[in-house]
Amino acid sequence: MSRLMLVMLTALLASTAQARPQNQTADVVVVVVVVVVVVVVVVVVVVVVVVVIVVIIVVVVHNSNSSSSYCNSNSSSNNSSSSNNISSNSSTL
């Protein structure tokens, strides 16, 4: 993606230089605008990638925590039912 932007920037500069070789201020303005646009696009892409990674991590951690708490609650209910079974068995003896 950055190579494509670099090629576009080079082509834009070449066409601008051929069209108006005497006007250097316009060339500088075009270069500055293109560089600013490229930097903004790169920053936006990086921010979007970071946000997506953070969301994926949060979802994975939340899912692992909820499943482990489900397992813990399930095992505690199993433990209480087994202790109830033991006490009922001992009372029948």
PDB file of N, CA and C in Angstrom:
ATOM      1  N   MET A   1       0.834  -1.190   0.000  1.00  0.00           N
ATOM      2  CA  MET A   1       0.000   0.000   0.000  1.00  0.00           C
ATOM      3  C   MET A   1       0.877   1.252   0.000  1.00  0.00           C
ATOM      4  N   SER A   2       1.950   1.233   0.785  1.00  0.00           N
ATOM      5  CA  SER A   2       2.824   2.401   0.816  1.00  0.00           C
ATOM      6  C   SER A   2       3.580   2.549  -0.506  1.00  0.00           C
ATOM      7  N   ARG A   3       3.879   1.428  -1.174  1.00  0.00           N
ATOM      8  CA  ARG A   3       4.544   1.510  -2.476  1.00  0.00           C
ATOM      9  C   ARG A   3       3.631   2.163  -3.501  1.00  0.00           C
ATOM     10  N   LEU A   4       2.359   1.801  -3.449  1.00  0.00           N
ATOM     11  CA  LEU A   4       1.402   2.401  -4.372  1.00  0.00           C
ATOM     12  C   LEU A   4       1.314   3.906  -4.148  1.00  0.00           C
ATOM     13  N   MET A   5       1.287   4.332  -2.894  1.00  0.00           N
ATOM     14  CA  MET A   5       1.224   5.763  -2.596  1.00  0.00           C
ATOM     15  C   MET A   5       2.495   6.464  -3.055  1.00  0.00           C
ATOM     16  N   LEU A   6       3.639   5.799  -2.899  1.00  0.00           N
ATOM     17  CA  LEU A   6       4.893   6.397  -3.334  1.00  0.00           C
ATOM     18  C   LEU A   6       4.925   6.554  -4.851  1.00  0.00           C
ATOM     19  N   VAL A   7       4.430   5.548  -5.566  1.00  0.00           N
ATOM     20  CA  VAL A   7       4.363   5.634  -7.030  1.00  0.00           C
ATOM     21  C   VAL A   7       3.424   6.757  -7.452  1.00  0.00           C
ATOM     22  N   MET A   8       2.276   6.857  -6.773  1.00  0.00           N
ATOM     23  CA  MET A   8       1.326   7.931  -7.099  1.00  0.00           C
ATOM     24  C   MET A   8       1.941   9.298  -6.830  1.00  0.00           C
ATOM     25  N   LEU A   9       2.665   9.421  -5.716  1.00  0.00           N
ATOM     26  CA  LEU A   9       3.317  10.688  -5.385  1.00  0.00           C
ATOM     27  C   LEU A   9       4.363  11.043  -6.434  1.00  0.00           C
ATOM     28  N   THR A  10       5.149  10.063  -6.851  1.00  0.00           N
ATOM     29  CA  THR A  10       6.175  10.311  -7.866  1.00  0.00           C
ATOM     30  C   THR A  10       5.547  10.722  -9.194  1.00  0.00           C
ATOM     31  N   ALA A  11       4.476  10.032  -9.585  1.00  0.00           N
ATOM     32  CA  ALA A  11       3.800  10.379 -10.838  1.00  0.00           C
ATOM     33  C   ALA A  11       3.200  11.775 -10.765  1.00  0.00           C
ATOM     34  N   LEU A  12       2.632  12.111  -9.618  1.00  0.00           N
ATOM     35  CA  LEU A  12       2.040  13.440  -9.447  1.00  0.00           C
ATOM     36  C   LEU A  12       3.109  14.522  -9.525  1.00  0.00           C
ATOM     37  N   LEU A  13       4.238  14.270  -8.872  1.00  0.00           N
ATOM     38  CA  LEU A  13       5.324  15.250  -8.918  1.00  0.00           C
ATOM     39  C   LEU A  13       5.879  15.393 -10.333  1.00  0.00           C
ATOM     40  N   ALA A  14       6.016  14.280 -11.042  1.00  0.00           N
ATOM     41  CA  ALA A  14       6.547  14.344 -12.409  1.00  0.00           C
ATOM     42  C   ALA A  14       5.600  15.107 -13.326  1.00  0.00           C
ATOM     43  N   SER A  15       4.308  14.847 -13.216  1.00  0.00           N
ATOM     44  CA  SER A  15       3.348  15.551 -14.075  1.00  0.00           C
ATOM     45  C   SER A  15       3.276  17.028 -13.716  1.00  0.00           C
ATOM     46  N   THR A  16       3.387  17.335 -12.437  1.00  0.00           N
ATOM     47  CA  THR A  16       3.351  18.740 -12.013  1.00  0.00           C
ATOM     48  C   THR A  16       4.594  19.477 -12.501  1.00  0.00           C
ATOM     49  N   ALA A  17       5.736  18.819 -12.404  1.00  0.00           N
ATOM     50  CA  ALA A  17       6.984  19.461 -12.842  1.00  0.00           C
ATOM     51  C   ALA A  17       6.988  19.678 -14.353  1.00  0.00           C
ATOM     52  N   GLN A  18       6.409  18.763 -15.119  1.00  0.00           N
ATOM     53  CA  GLN A  18       6.361  18.932 -16.571  1.00  0.00           C
ATOM     54  C   GLN A  18       5.351  20.003 -16.967  1.00  0.00           C
ATOM     55  N   ALA A  19       4.252  20.088 -16.246  1.00  0.00           N
ATOM     56  CA  ALA A  19       3.204  21.038 -16.620  1.00  0.00           C
ATOM     57  C   ALA A  19       3.629  22.472 -16.333  1.00  0.00           C
ATOM     58  N   ARG A  20       4.263  22.717 -15.168  1.00  0.00           N
ATOM     59  CA  ARG A  20       4.635  24.078 -14.786  1.00  0.00           C
ATOM     60  C   ARG A  20       6.044  24.105 -14.202  1.00  0.00           C
ATOM     61  N   PRO A  21       7.041  24.061 -15.025  1.00  0.00           N
ATOM     62  CA  PRO A  21       8.407  24.040 -14.469  1.00  0.00           C
ATOM     63  C   PRO A  21       8.806  25.360 -13.814  1.00  0.00           C
ATOM     64  N   GLN A  22       8.136  26.457 -14.147  1.00  0.00           N
ATOM     65  CA  GLN A  22       8.537  27.750 -13.604  1.00  0.00           C
ATOM     66  C   GLN A  22       7.921  28.038 -12.231  1.00  0.00           C
ATOM     67  N   ASN A  23       6.883  27.296 -11.822  1.00  0.00           N
ATOM     68  CA  ASN A  23       6.162  27.603 -10.587  1.00  0.00           C
ATOM     69  C   ASN A  23       6.573  26.617  -9.493  1.00  0.00           C
ATOM     70  N   GLN A  24       7.585  26.982  -8.716  1.00  0.00           N
ATOM     71  CA  GLN A  24       8.103  26.086  -7.676  1.00  0.00           C
ATOM     72  C   GLN A  24       7.215  26.071  -6.434  1.00  0.00           C
ATOM     73  N   THR A  25       6.534  27.160  -6.138  1.00  0.00           N
ATOM     74  CA  THR A  25       5.691  27.223  -4.936  1.00  0.00           C
ATOM     75  C   THR A  25       4.532  26.245  -5.031  1.00  0.00           C
ATOM     76  N   ALA A  26       3.933  26.131  -6.185  1.00  0.00           N
ATOM     77  CA  ALA A  26       2.823  25.194  -6.364  1.00  0.00           C
ATOM     78  C   ALA A  26       3.306  23.758  -6.193  1.00  0.00           C
ATOM     79  N   ASP A  27       4.522  23.466  -6.658  1.00  0.00           N
ATOM     80  CA  ASP A  27       5.075  22.118  -6.484  1.00  0.00           C
ATOM     81  C   ASP A  27       5.244  21.788  -5.007  1.00  0.00           C
ATOM     82  N   VAL A  28       5.744  22.733  -4.246  1.00  0.00           N
ATOM     83  CA  VAL A  28       5.945  22.513  -2.812  1.00  0.00           C
ATOM     84  C   VAL A  28       4.606  22.301  -2.120  1.00  0.00           C
ATOM     85  N   VAL A  29       3.606  23.082  -2.486  1.00  0.00           N
ATOM     86  CA  VAL A  29       2.279  22.939  -1.882  1.00  0.00           C
ATOM     87  C   VAL A  29       1.697  21.567  -2.205  1.00  0.00           C
ATOM     88  N   VAL A  30       1.840  21.136  -3.444  1.00  0.00           N
ATOM     89  CA  VAL A  30       1.325  19.817  -3.839  1.00  0.00           C
ATOM     90  C   VAL A  30       2.036  18.719  -3.065  1.00  0.00           C
ATOM     91  N   VAL A  31       3.346  18.822  -2.928  1.00  0.00           N
ATOM     92  CA  VAL A  31       4.109  17.810  -2.186  1.00  0.00           C
ATOM     93  C   VAL A  31       3.668  17.777  -0.727  1.00  0.00           C
ATOM     94  N   VAL A  32       3.515  18.938  -0.118  1.00  0.00           N
ATOM     95  CA  VAL A  32       3.102  18.994   1.288  1.00  0.00           C
ATOM     96  C   VAL A  32       1.712  18.400   1.459  1.00  0.00           C
ATOM     97  N   VAL A  33       0.788  18.737   0.572  1.00  0.00           N
ATOM     98  CA  VAL A  33      -0.576  18.207   0.673  1.00  0.00           C
ATOM     99  C   VAL A  33      -0.579  16.694   0.506  1.00  0.00           C
ATOM    100  N   VAL A  34       0.163  16.194  -0.464  1.00  0.00           N
ATOM    101  CA  VAL A  34       0.203  14.744  -0.692  1.00  0.00           C
ATOM    102  C   VAL A  34       0.837  14.030   0.494  1.00  0.00           C
ATOM    103  N   VAL A  35       1.909  14.578   1.043  1.00  0.00           N
ATOM    104  CA  VAL A  35       2.560  13.960   2.202  1.00  0.00           C
ATOM    105  C   VAL A  35       1.624  13.958   3.402  1.00  0.00           C
ATOM    106  N   VAL A  36       0.913  15.049   3.631  1.00  0.00           N
ATOM    107  CA  VAL A  36      -0.031  15.109   4.753  1.00  0.00           C
ATOM    108  C   VAL A  36      -1.144  14.084   4.567  1.00  0.00           C
ATOM    109  N   VAL A  37      -1.666  13.966   3.359  1.00  0.00           N
ATOM    110  CA  VAL A  37      -2.733  12.988   3.101  1.00  0.00           C
ATOM    111  C   VAL A  37      -2.223  11.569   3.327  1.00  0.00           C
ATOM    112  N   VAL A  38      -1.018  11.271   2.856  1.00  0.00           N
ATOM    113  CA  VAL A  38      -0.449   9.933   3.047  1.00  0.00           C
ATOM    114  C   VAL A  38      -0.252   9.645   4.533  1.00  0.00           C
ATOM    115  N   VAL A  39       0.260  10.607   5.281  1.00  0.00           N
ATOM    116  CA  VAL A  39       0.471  10.411   6.720  1.00  0.00           C
ATOM    117  C   VAL A  39      -0.855  10.190   7.429  1.00  0.00           C
ATOM    118  N   VAL A  40      -1.875  10.963   7.088  1.00  0.00           N
ATOM    119  CA  VAL A  40      -3.189  10.797   7.721  1.00  0.00           C
ATOM    120  C   VAL A  40      -3.765   9.422   7.410  1.00  0.00           C
ATOM    121  N   VAL A  41      -3.647   8.982   6.174  1.00  0.00           N
ATOM    122  CA  VAL A  41      -4.169   7.657   5.803  1.00  0.00           C
ATOM    123  C   VAL A  41      -3.435   6.561   6.561  1.00  0.00           C
ATOM    124  N   VAL A  42      -2.118   6.663   6.663  1.00  0.00           N
ATOM    125  CA  VAL A  42      -1.342   5.651   7.393  1.00  0.00           C
ATOM    126  C   VAL A  42      -1.725   5.642   8.865  1.00  0.00           C
ATOM    127  N   VAL A  43      -1.885   6.804   9.470  1.00  0.00           N
ATOM    128  CA  VAL A  43      -2.269   6.875  10.885  1.00  0.00           C
ATOM    129  C   VAL A  43      -3.648   6.270  11.095  1.00  0.00           C
ATOM    130  N   VAL A  44      -4.588   6.561  10.217  1.00  0.00           N
ATOM    131  CA  VAL A  44      -5.939   6.000  10.348  1.00  0.00           C
ATOM    132  C   VAL A  44      -5.901   4.480  10.222  1.00  0.00           C
ATOM    133  N   VAL A  45      -5.129   3.970   9.288  1.00  0.00           N
ATOM    134  CA  VAL A  45      -5.028   2.512   9.120  1.00  0.00           C
ATOM    135  C   VAL A  45      -4.416   1.878  10.363  1.00  0.00           C
ATOM    136  N   VAL A  46      -3.377   2.478  10.911  1.00  0.00           N
ATOM    137  CA  VAL A  46      -2.742   1.934  12.118  1.00  0.00           C
ATOM    138  C   VAL A  46      -3.714   1.957  13.289  1.00  0.00           C
ATOM    139  N   VAL A  47      -4.452   3.039  13.461  1.00  0.00           N
ATOM    140  CA  VAL A  47      -5.419   3.131  14.560  1.00  0.00           C
ATOM    141  C   VAL A  47      -6.504   2.075  14.401  1.00  0.00           C
ATOM    142  N   VAL A  48      -7.001   1.877  13.200  1.00  0.00           N
ATOM    143  CA  VAL A  48      -8.044   0.868  12.971  1.00  0.00           C
ATOM    144  C   VAL A  48      -7.511  -0.526  13.287  1.00  0.00           C
ATOM    145  N   VAL A  49      -6.293  -0.819  12.872  1.00  0.00           N
ATOM    146  CA  VAL A  49      -5.707  -2.136  13.155  1.00  0.00           C
ATOM    147  C   VAL A  49      -5.538  -2.335  14.656  1.00  0.00           C
ATOM    148  N   VAL A  50      -5.067  -1.324  15.364  1.00  0.00           N
ATOM    149  CA  VAL A  50      -4.894  -1.434  16.817  1.00  0.00           C
ATOM    150  C   VAL A  50      -6.237  -1.632  17.500  1.00  0.00           C
ATOM    151  N   VAL A  51      -7.261  -0.904  17.090  1.00  0.00           N
ATOM    152  CA  VAL A  51      -8.589  -1.054  17.695  1.00  0.00           C
ATOM    153  C   VAL A  51      -9.132  -2.454  17.447  1.00  0.00           C
ATOM    154  N   VAL A  52      -8.956  -2.974  16.250  1.00  0.00           N
ATOM    155  CA  VAL A  52      -9.438  -4.330  15.947  1.00  0.00           C
ATOM    156  C   VAL A  52      -8.710  -5.354  16.807  1.00  0.00           C
ATOM    157  N   ILE A  53      -7.399  -5.209  16.972  1.00  0.00           N
ATOM    158  CA  ILE A  53      -6.636  -6.145  17.800  1.00  0.00           C
ATOM    159  C   ILE A  53      -7.092  -6.070  19.250  1.00  0.00           C
ATOM    160  N   VAL A  54      -7.311  -4.869  19.771  1.00  0.00           N
ATOM    161  CA  VAL A  54      -7.767  -4.717  21.156  1.00  0.00           C
ATOM    162  C   VAL A  54      -9.144  -5.338  21.337  1.00  0.00           C
ATOM    163  N   VAL A  55     -10.036  -5.139  20.390  1.00  0.00           N
ATOM    164  CA  VAL A  55     -11.381  -5.723  20.490  1.00  0.00           C
ATOM    165  C   VAL A  55     -11.300  -7.243  20.475  1.00  0.00           C
ATOM    166  N   ILE A  56     -10.460  -7.795  19.620  1.00  0.00           N
ATOM    167  CA  ILE A  56     -10.308  -9.256  19.572  1.00  0.00           C
ATOM    168  C   ILE A  56      -9.769  -9.775  20.899  1.00  0.00           C
ATOM    169  N   ILE A  57      -8.776  -9.104  21.467  1.00  0.00           N
ATOM    170  CA  ILE A  57      -8.214  -9.536  22.749  1.00  0.00           C
ATOM    171  C   ILE A  57      -9.265  -9.460  23.845  1.00  0.00           C
ATOM    172  N   VAL A  58     -10.032  -8.384  23.889  1.00  0.00           N
ATOM    173  CA  VAL A  58     -11.066  -8.239  24.922  1.00  0.00           C
ATOM    174  C   VAL A  58     -12.112  -9.330  24.783  1.00  0.00           C
ATOM    175  N   VAL A  59     -12.529  -9.632  23.570  1.00  0.00           N
ATOM    176  CA  VAL A  59     -13.543 -10.674  23.363  1.00  0.00           C
ATOM    177  C   VAL A  59     -13.000 -12.035  23.779  1.00  0.00           C
ATOM    178  N   VAL A  60     -11.765 -12.335  23.421  1.00  0.00           N
ATOM    179  CA  VAL A  60     -11.183 -13.634  23.781  1.00  0.00           C
ATOM    180  C   VAL A  60     -11.037 -13.753  25.289  1.00  0.00           C
ATOM    181  N   VAL A  61     -10.551 -12.705  25.949  1.00  0.00           N
ATOM    182  CA  VAL A  61     -10.387 -12.746  27.407  1.00  0.00           C
ATOM    183  C   VAL A  61     -11.743 -12.856  28.083  1.00  0.00           C
ATOM    184  N   HIS A  62     -12.719 -12.125  27.598  1.00  0.00           N
ATOM    185  CA  HIS A  62     -14.060 -12.190  28.195  1.00  0.00           C
ATOM    186  C   HIS A  62     -14.655 -13.582  28.030  1.00  0.00           C
ATOM    187  N   ASN A  63     -14.497 -14.170  26.863  1.00  0.00           N
ATOM    188  CA  ASN A  63     -15.032 -15.516  26.638  1.00  0.00           C
ATOM    189  C   ASN A  63     -14.329 -16.545  27.506  1.00  0.00           C
ATOM    190  N   SER A  64     -13.028 -16.436  27.669  1.00  0.00           N
ATOM    191  CA  SER A  64     -12.314 -17.408  28.499  1.00  0.00           C
ATOM    192  C   SER A  64     -12.697 -17.236  29.964  1.00  0.00           C
ATOM    193  N   ASN A  65     -12.900 -16.007  30.405  1.00  0.00           N
ATOM    194  CA  ASN A  65     -13.307 -15.785  31.795  1.00  0.00           C
ATOM    195  C   ASN A  65     -14.718 -16.294  32.039  1.00  0.00           C
ATOM    196  N   SER A  66     -15.616 -16.052  31.129  1.00  0.00           N
ATOM    197  CA  SER A  66     -16.995 -16.492  31.337  1.00  0.00           C
ATOM    198  C   SER A  66     -17.088 -18.006  31.288  1.00  0.00           C
ATOM    199  N   SER A  67     -16.316 -18.656  30.435  1.00  0.00           N
ATOM    200  CA  SER A  67     -16.373 -20.117  30.376  1.00  0.00           C
ATOM    201  C   SER A  67     -15.732 -20.723  31.612  1.00  0.00           C
ATOM    202  N   SER A  68     -14.663 -20.114  32.128  1.00  0.00           N
ATOM    203  CA  SER A  68     -14.038 -20.664  33.330  1.00  0.00           C
ATOM    204  C   SER A  68     -14.939 -20.456  34.537  1.00  0.00           C
ATOM    205  N   SER A  69     -15.643 -19.333  34.601  1.00  0.00           N
ATOM    206  CA  SER A  69     -16.560 -19.134  35.728  1.00  0.00           C
ATOM    207  C   SER A  69     -17.731 -20.093  35.625  1.00  0.00           C
ATOM    208  N   TYR A  70     -18.151 -20.399  34.408  1.00  0.00           N
ATOM    209  CA  TYR A  70     -19.212 -21.393  34.233  1.00  0.00           C
ATOM    210  C   TYR A  70     -18.728 -22.759  34.711  1.00  0.00           C
ATOM    211  N   CYS A  71     -17.491 -23.104  34.361  1.00  0.00           N
ATOM    212  CA  CYS A  71     -16.941 -24.388  34.806  1.00  0.00           C
ATOM    213  C   CYS A  71     -16.825 -24.417  36.320  1.00  0.00           C
ATOM    214  N   ASN A  72     -16.399 -23.317  36.920  1.00  0.00           N
ATOM    215  CA  ASN A  72     -16.261 -23.278  38.374  1.00  0.00           C
ATOM    216  C   ASN A  72     -17.613 -23.418  39.052  1.00  0.00           C
ATOM    217  N   SER A  73     -18.614 -22.729  38.559  1.00  0.00           N
ATOM    218  CA  SER A  73     -19.931 -22.828  39.183  1.00  0.00           C
ATOM    219  C   SER A  73     -20.507 -24.219  38.974  1.00  0.00           C
ATOM    220  N   ASN A  74     -20.237 -24.795  37.839  1.00  0.00           N
ATOM    221  CA  ASN A  74     -20.724 -26.137  37.555  1.00  0.00           C
ATOM    222  C   ASN A  74     -20.049 -27.152  38.472  1.00  0.00           C
ATOM    223  N   SER A  75     -18.752 -27.016  38.693  1.00  0.00           N
ATOM    224  CA  SER A  75     -18.054 -27.966  39.554  1.00  0.00           C
ATOM    225  C   SER A  75     -18.489 -27.798  41.001  1.00  0.00           C
ATOM    226  N   SER A  76     -18.767 -26.582  41.437  1.00  0.00           N
ATOM    227  CA  SER A  76     -19.213 -26.392  42.816  1.00  0.00           C
ATOM    228  C   SER A  76     -20.600 -26.983  43.013  1.00  0.00           C
ATOM    229  N   SER A  77     -21.459 -26.884  42.024  1.00  0.00           N
ATOM    230  CA  SER A  77     -22.780 -27.498  42.161  1.00  0.00           C
ATOM    231  C   SER A  77     -22.653 -29.013  42.144  1.00  0.00           C
ATOM    232  N   ASN A  78     -21.715 -29.533  41.374  1.00  0.00           N
ATOM    233  CA  ASN A  78     -21.485 -30.974  41.376  1.00  0.00           C
ATOM    234  C   ASN A  78     -20.957 -31.431  42.725  1.00  0.00           C
ATOM    235  N   ASN A  79     -20.088 -30.644  43.323  1.00  0.00           N
ATOM    236  CA  ASN A  79     -19.545 -31.001  44.632  1.00  0.00           C
ATOM    237  C   ASN A  79     -20.641 -31.019  45.683  1.00  0.00           C
ATOM    238  N   SER A  80     -21.521 -30.048  45.658  1.00  0.00           N
ATOM    239  CA  SER A  80     -22.581 -30.010  46.660  1.00  0.00           C
ATOM    240  C   SER A  80     -23.550 -31.166  46.459  1.00  0.00           C
ATOM    241  N   SER A  81     -23.828 -31.527  45.232  1.00  0.00           N
ATOM    242  CA  SER A  81     -24.742 -32.641  45.004  1.00  0.00           C
ATOM    243  C   SER A  81     -24.098 -33.952  45.415  1.00  0.00           C
ATOM    244  N   SER A  82     -22.792 -34.099  45.215  1.00  0.00           N
ATOM    245  CA  SER A  82     -22.138 -35.339  45.635  1.00  0.00           C
ATOM    246  C   SER A  82     -22.084 -35.424  47.148  1.00  0.00           C
ATOM    247  N   SER A  83     -21.895 -34.310  47.839  1.00  0.00           N
ATOM    248  CA  SER A  83     -21.901 -34.351  49.302  1.00  0.00           C
ATOM    249  C   SER A  83     -23.299 -34.661  49.810  1.00  0.00           C
ATOM    250  N   ASN A  84     -24.326 -34.193  49.128  1.00  0.00           N
ATOM    251  CA  ASN A  84     -25.693 -34.538  49.504  1.00  0.00           C
ATOM    252  C   ASN A  84     -25.936 -36.026  49.317  1.00  0.00           C
ATOM    253  N   ASN A  85     -25.400 -36.571  48.260  1.00  0.00           N
ATOM    254  CA  ASN A  85     -25.555 -38.002  48.023  1.00  0.00           C
ATOM    255  C   ASN A  85     -24.856 -38.811  49.102  1.00  0.00           C
ATOM    256  N   ILE A  86     -23.692 -38.369  49.520  1.00  0.00           N
ATOM    257  CA  ILE A  86     -22.950 -39.093  50.561  1.00  0.00           C
ATOM    258  C   ILE A  86     -23.722 -39.048  51.870  1.00  0.00           C
ATOM    259  N   SER A  87     -24.249 -37.891  52.218  1.00  0.00           N
ATOM    260  CA  SER A  87     -24.979 -37.794  53.483  1.00  0.00           C
ATOM    261  C   SER A  87     -26.259 -38.620  53.436  1.00  0.00           C
ATOM    262  N   SER A  88     -26.928 -38.655  52.307  1.00  0.00           N
ATOM    263  CA  SER A  88     -28.145 -39.465  52.227  1.00  0.00           C
ATOM    264  C   SER A  88     -27.802 -40.945  52.279  1.00  0.00           C
ATOM    265  N   ASN A  89     -26.677 -41.328  51.691  1.00  0.00           N
ATOM    266  CA  ASN A  89     -26.255 -42.725  51.749  1.00  0.00           C
ATOM    267  C   ASN A  89     -25.888 -43.126  53.168  1.00  0.00           C
ATOM    268  N   SER A  90     -25.226 -42.269  53.891  1.00  0.00           N
ATOM    269  CA  SER A  90     -24.838 -42.604  55.258  1.00  0.00           C
ATOM    270  C   SER A  90     -26.059 -42.661  56.169  1.00  0.00           C
ATOM    271  N   SER A  91     -27.072 -41.872  55.874  1.00  0.00           N
ATOM    272  CA  SER A  91     -28.269 -41.910  56.719  1.00  0.00           C
ATOM    273  C   SER A  91     -29.063 -43.190  56.479  1.00  0.00           C
ATOM    274  N   THR A  92     -29.012 -43.726  55.278  1.00  0.00           N
ATOM    275  CA  THR A  92     -29.731 -44.980  55.029  1.00  0.00           C
ATOM    276  C   THR A  92     -29.016 -46.151  55.667  1.00  0.00           C
ATOM    277  N   LEU A  93     -27.719 -46.041  55.886  1.00  0.00           N
ATOM    278  CA  LEU A  93     -26.982 -47.127  56.533  1.00  0.00           C
ATOM    279  C   LEU A  93     -27.330 -47.127  57.991  1.00  0.00           C
TER     280      LEU A  93
END
